[in-house]
Amino acid sequence: MREDDSKGGREWASTLWSTVLRARDRDPAALERLCARYWRAIYHYILCRRRDRESAQDLTQAFLLYVIEKDLLSRKDPEHGSFRGFLRASVDRFLSDQYDHERALKRGGGLRRIDLDFAKAEIDASENPERAFLRSYAAETLARVLERCGRELPSDQVRALRLRFGFDGERPSYAEIAHDLGVSESDVTNLVHRAKERFRELLIEEVRETVSSAEDLQSELRFLRQIL
């Protein structure tokens, strides 16, 4: 048995989903952070299901309103399952409830709307909805981890990491990275190794906040490897 397993669910429950738990208590700042994190995945999923951008944008706003109005987060026990699965299931329920989401759309015009930059979040609406949701969710997770790397690590380590693992496009060779950074290939190896170690630590920290057990953590990490 692993150390995390031996300690049971109580320790996980005390440290996980801190943002979600605060949002359940109607903390406006926590709700804003949740929306900032996940609205793109929600929008991409709805867009690829409905194939209409204007409708998808309205429904994304309406879903966020629905989360608040219905106190949706109070229905999720953070000791069971991943937030990713809960979020996707919640969007499905919202879209299947024609009355509720139409009412939310009508009422949304008179309420404060969250500022979402849809122009920077457009994708091909013909993509498979499930794939679009998973890819967007994974990309948001990766972006947060890379942002933390950028704050913590030297710039040459971050640059070497981004290049080596293709975070900015193609994956150049060590020789090409060495030329780009003006260092030797052995220096690149060291830079990538140090950055990769911290990247993995930060990734685990990020994912740990969205799951409720060691098993779920490993499952989410496998999911990210497959998607990314």
C-alpha atoms as a PDB file:
ATOM      1  CA  MET A   1       0.000   0.000   0.000  1.00  0.00           C
ATOM      2  CA  ARG A   2       1.277   3.457  -0.870  1.00  0.00           C
ATOM      3  CA  GLU A   3       1.690   6.140   1.747  1.00  0.00           C
ATOM      4  CA  ASP A   4      -1.213   8.174   0.359  1.00  0.00           C
ATOM      5  CA  ASP A   5      -3.496   5.152   0.509  1.00  0.00           C
ATOM      6  CA  SER A   6      -2.589   4.278   4.097  1.00  0.00           C
ATOM      7  CA  LYS A   7      -3.640   7.672   5.334  1.00  0.00           C
ATOM      8  CA  GLY A   8      -7.156   7.282   3.971  1.00  0.00           C
ATOM      9  CA  GLY A   9      -9.450   9.866   2.459  1.00  0.00           C
ATOM     10  CA  ARG A  10      -9.447  12.340   5.332  1.00  0.00           C
ATOM     11  CA  GLU A  11      -6.079  13.866   4.449  1.00  0.00           C
ATOM     12  CA  TRP A  12      -7.044  14.166   0.808  1.00  0.00           C
ATOM     13  CA  ALA A  13     -10.365  15.750   1.725  1.00  0.00           C
ATOM     14  CA  SER A  14      -8.606  18.318   3.903  1.00  0.00           C
ATOM     15  CA  THR A  15      -6.314  19.508   1.108  1.00  0.00           C
ATOM     16  CA  LEU A  16      -8.217  18.998  -2.130  1.00  0.00           C
ATOM     17  CA  TRP A  17     -10.573  21.236  -4.027  1.00  0.00           C
ATOM     18  CA  SER A  18      -9.872  24.252  -1.832  1.00  0.00           C
ATOM     19  CA  THR A  19     -11.153  26.590  -4.533  1.00  0.00           C
ATOM     20  CA  VAL A  20     -14.261  24.477  -5.078  1.00  0.00           C
ATOM     21  CA  LEU A  21     -15.027  24.309  -1.386  1.00  0.00           C
ATOM     22  CA  ARG A  22     -14.738  28.080  -1.040  1.00  0.00           C
ATOM     23  CA  ALA A  23     -16.951  28.489  -4.092  1.00  0.00           C
ATOM     24  CA  ARG A  24     -19.557  26.268  -2.439  1.00  0.00           C
ATOM     25  CA  ASP A  25     -19.673  28.875   0.320  1.00  0.00           C
ATOM     26  CA  ARG A  26     -20.428  31.512  -2.318  1.00  0.00           C
ATOM     27  CA  ASP A  27     -17.009  33.141  -2.201  1.00  0.00           C
ATOM     28  CA  PRO A  28     -17.161  35.441  -5.278  1.00  0.00           C
ATOM     29  CA  ALA A  29     -13.392  35.386  -5.795  1.00  0.00           C
ATOM     30  CA  ALA A  30     -13.347  31.587  -5.705  1.00  0.00           C
ATOM     31  CA  LEU A  31     -16.168  31.401  -8.239  1.00  0.00           C
ATOM     32  CA  GLU A  32     -14.314  33.794 -10.518  1.00  0.00           C
ATOM     33  CA  ARG A  33     -11.206  31.595 -10.300  1.00  0.00           C
ATOM     34  CA  LEU A  34     -13.211  28.504 -11.175  1.00  0.00           C
ATOM     35  CA  CYS A  35     -14.742  30.255 -14.168  1.00  0.00           C
ATOM     36  CA  ALA A  36     -11.347  31.502 -15.325  1.00  0.00           C
ATOM     37  CA  ARG A  37      -9.937  27.989 -15.115  1.00  0.00           C
ATOM     38  CA  TYR A  38     -12.634  25.975 -16.808  1.00  0.00           C
ATOM     39  CA  TRP A  39     -14.801  28.149 -19.020  1.00  0.00           C
ATOM     40  CA  ARG A  40     -12.844  27.320 -22.189  1.00  0.00           C
ATOM     41  CA  ALA A  41     -13.330  23.580 -21.740  1.00  0.00           C
ATOM     42  CA  ILE A  42     -17.040  24.188 -21.108  1.00  0.00           C
ATOM     43  CA  TYR A  43     -17.332  26.447 -24.145  1.00  0.00           C
ATOM     44  CA  HIS A  44     -15.482  24.048 -26.443  1.00  0.00           C
ATOM     45  CA  TYR A  45     -17.674  21.158 -25.370  1.00  0.00           C
ATOM     46  CA  ILE A  46     -20.915  23.085 -25.879  1.00  0.00           C
ATOM     47  CA  LEU A  47     -19.725  24.566 -29.184  1.00  0.00           C
ATOM     48  CA  CYS A  48     -18.882  21.145 -30.620  1.00  0.00           C
ATOM     49  CA  ARG A  49     -22.231  19.776 -29.497  1.00  0.00           C
ATOM     50  CA  ARG A  50     -24.351  22.673 -30.775  1.00  0.00           C
ATOM     51  CA  ARG A  51     -22.207  23.795 -33.765  1.00  0.00           C
ATOM     52  CA  ASP A  52     -23.436  27.370 -33.314  1.00  0.00           C
ATOM     53  CA  ARG A  53     -20.980  29.872 -31.864  1.00  0.00           C
ATOM     54  CA  GLU A  54     -23.440  32.494 -30.672  1.00  0.00           C
ATOM     55  CA  SER A  55     -25.610  29.894 -28.961  1.00  0.00           C
ATOM     56  CA  ALA A  56     -22.560  28.206 -27.428  1.00  0.00           C
ATOM     57  CA  GLN A  57     -21.308  31.505 -26.028  1.00  0.00           C
ATOM     58  CA  ASP A  58     -24.700  32.272 -24.490  1.00  0.00           C
ATOM     59  CA  LEU A  59     -25.011  28.775 -23.068  1.00  0.00           C
ATOM     60  CA  THR A  60     -21.522  28.953 -21.568  1.00  0.00           C
ATOM     61  CA  GLN A  61     -22.462  32.146 -19.756  1.00  0.00           C
ATOM     62  CA  ALA A  62     -25.774  30.568 -18.756  1.00  0.00           C
ATOM     63  CA  PHE A  63     -24.057  27.474 -17.389  1.00  0.00           C
ATOM     64  CA  LEU A  64     -21.793  29.579 -15.178  1.00  0.00           C
ATOM     65  CA  LEU A  65     -24.891  31.390 -13.925  1.00  0.00           C
ATOM     66  CA  TYR A  66     -26.571  28.010 -13.438  1.00  0.00           C
ATOM     67  CA  VAL A  67     -23.664  26.874 -11.253  1.00  0.00           C
ATOM     68  CA  ILE A  68     -24.303  29.823  -8.950  1.00  0.00           C
ATOM     69  CA  GLU A  69     -28.120  29.874  -9.024  1.00  0.00           C
ATOM     70  CA  LYS A  70     -28.520  26.134  -8.467  1.00  0.00           C
ATOM     71  CA  ASP A  71     -25.730  26.001  -5.871  1.00  0.00           C
ATOM     72  CA  LEU A  72     -24.387  23.209  -8.038  1.00  0.00           C
ATOM     73  CA  LEU A  73     -21.117  22.807  -6.171  1.00  0.00           C
ATOM     74  CA  SER A  74     -22.936  21.869  -2.987  1.00  0.00           C
ATOM     75  CA  ARG A  75     -23.968  18.618  -4.694  1.00  0.00           C
ATOM     76  CA  LYS A  76     -20.419  17.392  -5.194  1.00  0.00           C
ATOM     77  CA  ASP A  77     -18.633  15.546  -2.418  1.00  0.00           C
ATOM     78  CA  PRO A  78     -14.917  16.245  -2.951  1.00  0.00           C
ATOM     79  CA  GLU A  79     -14.065  12.868  -1.418  1.00  0.00           C
ATOM     80  CA  HIS A  80     -15.380  11.032  -4.487  1.00  0.00           C
ATOM     81  CA  GLY A  81     -14.086  11.222  -8.035  1.00  0.00           C
ATOM     82  CA  SER A  82     -12.415  13.890 -10.125  1.00  0.00           C
ATOM     83  CA  PHE A  83     -13.577  17.428 -10.702  1.00  0.00           C
ATOM     84  CA  ARG A  84     -13.110  16.883 -14.438  1.00  0.00           C
ATOM     85  CA  GLY A  85     -15.747  14.159 -14.489  1.00  0.00           C
ATOM     86  CA  PHE A  86     -18.094  16.145 -12.280  1.00  0.00           C
ATOM     87  CA  LEU A  87     -17.794  19.203 -14.510  1.00  0.00           C
ATOM     88  CA  ARG A  88     -18.518  17.322 -17.749  1.00  0.00           C
ATOM     89  CA  ALA A  89     -21.510  15.542 -16.191  1.00  0.00           C
ATOM     90  CA  SER A  90     -22.832  18.869 -14.892  1.00  0.00           C
ATOM     91  CA  VAL A  91     -22.685  20.442 -18.362  1.00  0.00           C
ATOM     92  CA  ASP A  92     -24.501  17.423 -19.791  1.00  0.00           C
ATOM     93  CA  ARG A  93     -27.273  17.744 -17.220  1.00  0.00           C
ATOM     94  CA  PHE A  94     -27.540  21.449 -17.887  1.00  0.00           C
ATOM     95  CA  LEU A  95     -27.863  20.971 -21.642  1.00  0.00           C
ATOM     96  CA  SER A  96     -30.431  18.220 -21.236  1.00  0.00           C
ATOM     97  CA  ASP A  97     -32.666  20.419 -19.076  1.00  0.00           C
ATOM     98  CA  GLN A  98     -34.217  22.579 -21.761  1.00  0.00           C
ATOM     99  CA  TYR A  99     -36.373  24.589 -19.383  1.00  0.00           C
ATOM    100  CA  ASP A 100     -33.611  25.451 -16.962  1.00  0.00           C
ATOM    101  CA  HIS A 101     -31.048  26.524 -19.491  1.00  0.00           C
ATOM    102  CA  GLU A 102     -33.530  28.568 -21.529  1.00  0.00           C
ATOM    103  CA  ARG A 103     -34.638  30.301 -18.337  1.00  0.00           C
ATOM    104  CA  ALA A 104     -31.003  30.935 -17.445  1.00  0.00           C
ATOM    105  CA  LEU A 105     -30.360  32.449 -20.867  1.00  0.00           C
ATOM    106  CA  LYS A 106     -33.336  34.792 -20.511  1.00  0.00           C
ATOM    107  CA  ARG A 107     -32.424  35.836 -16.995  1.00  0.00           C
ATOM    108  CA  GLY A 108     -28.729  36.136 -17.777  1.00  0.00           C
ATOM    109  CA  GLY A 109     -29.235  39.358 -19.720  1.00  0.00           C
ATOM    110  CA  GLY A 110     -30.250  41.178 -16.563  1.00  0.00           C
ATOM    111  CA  LEU A 111     -27.454  39.831 -14.399  1.00  0.00           C
ATOM    112  CA  ARG A 112     -23.725  40.463 -14.277  1.00  0.00           C
ATOM    113  CA  ARG A 113     -21.990  38.445 -16.946  1.00  0.00           C
ATOM    114  CA  ILE A 114     -18.474  37.113 -16.517  1.00  0.00           C
ATOM    115  CA  ASP A 115     -15.983  38.694 -18.901  1.00  0.00           C
ATOM    116  CA  LEU A 116     -14.950  35.873 -21.243  1.00  0.00           C
ATOM    117  CA  ASP A 117     -12.758  36.433 -24.298  1.00  0.00           C
ATOM    118  CA  PHE A 118     -14.432  34.030 -26.700  1.00  0.00           C
ATOM    119  CA  ALA A 119     -12.451  35.437 -29.635  1.00  0.00           C
ATOM    120  CA  LYS A 120      -9.280  33.878 -28.216  1.00  0.00           C
ATOM    121  CA  ALA A 121     -10.926  30.533 -27.528  1.00  0.00           C
ATOM    122  CA  GLU A 122     -12.319  29.577 -30.915  1.00  0.00           C
ATOM    123  CA  ILE A 123     -11.841  26.056 -32.274  1.00  0.00           C
ATOM    124  CA  ASP A 124     -13.235  23.981 -35.122  1.00  0.00           C
ATOM    125  CA  ALA A 125     -16.841  23.356 -34.130  1.00  0.00           C
ATOM    126  CA  SER A 126     -16.866  20.052 -36.029  1.00  0.00           C
ATOM    127  CA  GLU A 127     -14.454  18.474 -33.557  1.00  0.00           C
ATOM    128  CA  ASN A 128     -15.690  15.601 -31.396  1.00  0.00           C
ATOM    129  CA  PRO A 129     -17.236  17.246 -28.279  1.00  0.00           C
ATOM    130  CA  GLU A 130     -15.661  14.841 -25.805  1.00  0.00           C
ATOM    131  CA  ARG A 131     -12.252  15.217 -27.408  1.00  0.00           C
ATOM    132  CA  ALA A 132     -12.593  19.011 -27.460  1.00  0.00           C
ATOM    133  CA  PHE A 133     -13.496  19.098 -23.765  1.00  0.00           C
ATOM    134  CA  LEU A 134     -10.644  16.803 -22.714  1.00  0.00           C
ATOM    135  CA  ARG A 135      -8.061  18.588 -24.846  1.00  0.00           C
ATOM    136  CA  SER A 136      -9.099  22.003 -23.556  1.00  0.00           C
ATOM    137  CA  TYR A 137      -9.221  20.842 -19.939  1.00  0.00           C
ATOM    138  CA  ALA A 138      -5.753  19.311 -20.269  1.00  0.00           C
ATOM    139  CA  ALA A 139      -4.374  22.412 -22.003  1.00  0.00           C
ATOM    140  CA  GLU A 140      -5.617  24.645 -19.181  1.00  0.00           C
ATOM    141  CA  THR A 141      -3.926  22.385 -16.633  1.00  0.00           C
ATOM    142  CA  LEU A 142      -0.696  22.443 -18.598  1.00  0.00           C
ATOM    143  CA  ALA A 143      -0.823  26.231 -18.972  1.00  0.00           C
ATOM    144  CA  ARG A 144      -1.131  26.705 -15.219  1.00  0.00           C
ATOM    145  CA  VAL A 145       1.821  24.396 -14.566  1.00  0.00           C
ATOM    146  CA  LEU A 146       3.972  26.149 -17.164  1.00  0.00           C
ATOM    147  CA  GLU A 147       3.025  29.510 -15.700  1.00  0.00           C
ATOM    148  CA  ARG A 148       4.246  28.346 -12.293  1.00  0.00           C
ATOM    149  CA  CYS A 149       7.441  27.033 -13.878  1.00  0.00           C
ATOM    150  CA  GLY A 150       7.969  30.441 -15.430  1.00  0.00           C
ATOM    151  CA  ARG A 151       7.715  32.086 -12.015  1.00  0.00           C
ATOM    152  CA  GLU A 152       9.964  29.609 -10.221  1.00  0.00           C
ATOM    153  CA  LEU A 153      12.619  28.453 -12.675  1.00  0.00           C
ATOM    154  CA  PRO A 154      15.424  30.256 -14.514  1.00  0.00           C
ATOM    155  CA  SER A 155      14.406  31.361 -17.976  1.00  0.00           C
ATOM    156  CA  ASP A 156      16.892  29.051 -19.735  1.00  0.00           C
ATOM    157  CA  GLN A 157      15.412  26.019 -17.978  1.00  0.00           C
ATOM    158  CA  VAL A 158      11.892  27.022 -18.948  1.00  0.00           C
ATOM    159  CA  ARG A 159      12.928  27.684 -22.544  1.00  0.00           C
ATOM    160  CA  ALA A 160      14.700  24.316 -22.793  1.00  0.00           C
ATOM    161  CA  LEU A 161      11.673  22.548 -21.309  1.00  0.00           C
ATOM    162  CA  ARG A 162       9.187  24.196 -23.650  1.00  0.00           C
ATOM    163  CA  LEU A 163      11.309  23.427 -26.695  1.00  0.00           C
ATOM    164  CA  ARG A 164      12.208  19.850 -25.813  1.00  0.00           C
ATOM    165  CA  PHE A 165       8.630  18.766 -25.111  1.00  0.00           C
ATOM    166  CA  GLY A 166       7.043  20.723 -27.932  1.00  0.00           C
ATOM    167  CA  PHE A 167       4.913  22.995 -25.776  1.00  0.00           C
ATOM    168  CA  ASP A 168       5.263  25.715 -28.409  1.00  0.00           C
ATOM    169  CA  GLY A 169       4.954  23.536 -31.492  1.00  0.00           C
ATOM    170  CA  GLU A 170       7.563  21.222 -32.997  1.00  0.00           C
ATOM    171  CA  ARG A 171      10.077  19.336 -30.854  1.00  0.00           C
ATOM    172  CA  PRO A 172      13.606  20.343 -31.907  1.00  0.00           C
ATOM    173  CA  SER A 173      16.629  18.149 -31.264  1.00  0.00           C
ATOM    174  CA  TYR A 174      19.058  18.747 -28.413  1.00  0.00           C
ATOM    175  CA  ALA A 175      21.503  20.172 -30.939  1.00  0.00           C
ATOM    176  CA  GLU A 176      18.904  22.623 -32.202  1.00  0.00           C
ATOM    177  CA  ILE A 177      17.975  23.656 -28.667  1.00  0.00           C
ATOM    178  CA  ALA A 178      21.653  24.138 -27.829  1.00  0.00           C
ATOM    179  CA  HIS A 179      22.004  26.422 -30.842  1.00  0.00           C
ATOM    180  CA  ASP A 180      18.873  28.345 -29.849  1.00  0.00           C
ATOM    181  CA  LEU A 181      20.119  28.895 -26.295  1.00  0.00           C
ATOM    182  CA  GLY A 182      23.786  29.344 -27.175  1.00  0.00           C
ATOM    183  CA  VAL A 183      24.945  26.498 -24.918  1.00  0.00           C
ATOM    184  CA  SER A 184      26.334  22.989 -25.312  1.00  0.00           C
ATOM    185  CA  GLU A 185      24.165  19.884 -25.773  1.00  0.00           C
ATOM    186  CA  SER A 186      25.262  18.618 -22.360  1.00  0.00           C
ATOM    187  CA  ASP A 187      24.066  21.905 -20.874  1.00  0.00           C
ATOM    188  CA  VAL A 188      20.702  21.367 -22.567  1.00  0.00           C
ATOM    189  CA  THR A 189      20.470  17.889 -21.045  1.00  0.00           C
ATOM    190  CA  ASN A 190      21.036  19.327 -17.586  1.00  0.00           C
ATOM    191  CA  LEU A 191      18.608  22.193 -18.120  1.00  0.00           C
ATOM    192  CA  VAL A 192      15.853  19.888 -19.332  1.00  0.00           C
ATOM    193  CA  HIS A 193      16.420  17.414 -16.510  1.00  0.00           C
ATOM    194  CA  ARG A 194      16.196  20.055 -13.786  1.00  0.00           C
ATOM    195  CA  ALA A 195      13.164  21.723 -15.342  1.00  0.00           C
ATOM    196  CA  LYS A 196      11.402  18.412 -15.949  1.00  0.00           C
ATOM    197  CA  GLU A 197      11.748  17.404 -12.306  1.00  0.00           C
ATOM    198  CA  ARG A 198      10.105  20.586 -11.079  1.00  0.00           C
ATOM    199  CA  PHE A 199       7.496  20.465 -13.836  1.00  0.00           C
ATOM    200  CA  ARG A 200       6.421  17.011 -12.687  1.00  0.00           C
ATOM    201  CA  GLU A 201       6.212  18.131  -9.055  1.00  0.00           C
ATOM    202  CA  LEU A 202       4.061  21.106  -9.979  1.00  0.00           C
ATOM    203  CA  LEU A 203       1.875  18.991 -12.255  1.00  0.00           C
ATOM    204  CA  ILE A 204       1.180  16.570  -9.416  1.00  0.00           C
ATOM    205  CA  GLU A 205       0.334  19.479  -7.112  1.00  0.00           C
ATOM    206  CA  GLU A 206      -2.055  20.910  -9.693  1.00  0.00           C
ATOM    207  CA  VAL A 207      -3.813  17.623 -10.409  1.00  0.00           C
ATOM    208  CA  ARG A 208      -3.972  16.663  -6.749  1.00  0.00           C
ATOM    209  CA  GLU A 209      -6.288  19.621  -6.139  1.00  0.00           C
ATOM    210  CA  THR A 210      -8.896  18.137  -8.472  1.00  0.00           C
ATOM    211  CA  VAL A 211      -9.071  14.516  -7.278  1.00  0.00           C
ATOM    212  CA  SER A 212      -9.900  12.706  -4.065  1.00  0.00           C
ATOM    213  CA  SER A 213      -7.537   9.734  -3.825  1.00  0.00           C
ATOM    214  CA  ALA A 214      -4.138   8.432  -4.861  1.00  0.00           C
ATOM    215  CA  GLU A 215      -5.819   6.199  -7.427  1.00  0.00           C
ATOM    216  CA  ASP A 216      -7.659   9.158  -8.963  1.00  0.00           C
ATOM    217  CA  LEU A 217      -4.402  11.127  -9.040  1.00  0.00           C
ATOM    218  CA  GLN A 218      -2.654   8.421 -11.049  1.00  0.00           C
ATOM    219  CA  SER A 219      -5.669   8.138 -13.349  1.00  0.00           C
ATOM    220  CA  GLU A 220      -5.666  11.886 -14.061  1.00  0.00           C
ATOM    221  CA  LEU A 221      -1.916  11.890 -14.713  1.00  0.00           C
ATOM    222  CA  ARG A 222      -2.368   9.050 -17.223  1.00  0.00           C
ATOM    223  CA  PHE A 223      -5.192  11.011 -18.843  1.00  0.00           C
ATOM    224  CA  LEU A 224      -2.960  14.060 -19.241  1.00  0.00           C
ATOM    225  CA  ARG A 225      -0.146  12.018 -20.769  1.00  0.00           C
ATOM    226  CA  GLN A 226      -2.556  10.513 -23.294  1.00  0.00           C
ATOM    227  CA  ILE A 227      -4.126  13.833 -24.257  1.00  0.00           C
ATOM    228  CA  LEU A 228      -0.989  15.954 -24.334  1.00  0.00           C
END
